[in-house]
Amino acid sequence: MDALLYLAHRIPFPPNKGDKIRSYHFLRGLAKHFDVYLAAFIDDPNDWQYVSNLKEICRDCFFAPLNPAKAKVGSLVGFATGEALSLPYYRNAAMSQWVNRTLSDRHIRHVFAFSSPMAQYVMGSKYSDLRRVMDFVDADSDKWLQYSKAKSWPASWVYRREGERLLQFERQVAREFDASMFVSEKEADLFRGLAPDVASRVLGINNGVDTDYFSPGAHSNPFPSSVKPIVFTGAMDYWANVDAVSWFANDVLPAVRQRVPNAAFYVVGSKPTKAVLDLAKLPGVVVTGSVPDVRPYLAHSAVVVAPLRIARGIQNKVLEAMAMARPTVVTPQALEGIDAVLGEELFLAEHPQQFATIVGDILCGVAAAGVGLRARERVLTDFSWVSNLDKLAAVVAGTVI
């Protein structure tokens, strides 16, 4: 088999959060077609225990520790160099040396970079004879611009600058690389509009869902019998998730509980920030912190919500809830890339009162008959890892684009 260099901004295991789910499945899929040489950062000390799992998949691996606090300080050099702060954040001399040595010693001709900052390790004319494929996943530059609108100065200025500088870099990467991928066709279309000169080399490849794992079935009930549980799942140190649950708990839940007094909002996810922990002081809010398995919480929920107000790309949390056959209510931002029939497979709410009405209807049995089962069928039809990974392999090999 041909050799492939796989660059990832975060160790692609365990597949327990959005980017790691995609990067892990992509790694497994590509390992069926290539001898993979993996270079990745580890930003959570707990993840070092999983190095052996990846060594079983790859021909060789290099892992660089990344301390988020130190990396943030180091990224400030970007103000002096004029570049996006994300680039020095993920810049590491040892990784660069390993990449160059591996490319040379193993005569590697194919490169797959996951997340835009990793492209910096194979940029420039020195690498122009390689088949380079970029998985941007989301248009991160646009996400930073969204953040800038939700923050006050000086954070708004920093985020706006990051969005503008990162877009410049994304365009440069797309011009140099042979193909650029995004998590959905909608996300790909957004970038085609931002970089029309490379539109013909931009495509979307959906995430998949492990529908055998995320399947309704025999899961123990984690909830007391006295409540009607509303569930949100996600990493709770991620600002977009923090904003989402704060908005729901403060602006939506009180109206739901006025109609359904035993409704309870469960925030299920690791590393809750102080702002999230403080939500547990509100009536009807439960913050679980990290749980060993989110499936019981999904399986026994009365309704799953994704009240994201800032988002880019497909939300795995929505696909997983749909795969578990649960009625799910989302904002327009969380709907992106999911071509579901609204009202039959998924519910859409655009403002607090609409959200409260739909959730209340579901809790009262007025809505949602059959919606969960139809939602699972939609996931089975559109979000198969098998078909998406075949397309990925063809792009990396150069038989597509």
Foldseek 3Di string as FASTA:
>chain_A
DAAEEEEEAEPLPDLPADLSLQSVLLLQLQLVPHQYEYEYEHADVVCVVCPVVVVVSHVYYHYHYADQVVLQVQLVCCVVVVAQSVQSSSDDPVSLVVVVVCCVVRVHQFYEYEALSRCVSQDDPVNLRHQYEYENQALVLVLLQVVLVVDDPPSSVSSPSNSVRVLVSVLRSLVRHQAYEYQAQVRLVVVCVVRVVNNVRYYYFHAADPLVVLEQDDDDAPDDPQAQEEEEEHAQVDVQVLVQVVCCLPQAVVLLCVLVVRYAYEYEHADHDPSLVVSVVGPRYHYDHYDPDCNNVLNRHLEYEARGPRATHAGVRVLSSLSHLHAYEYEPRNCPRQPDDDQQQYHYDHDRVRVNVVVNCSSVVNGDVNNSVVSSVSSVPRRHSVVSSVVVNCSRVVVRD
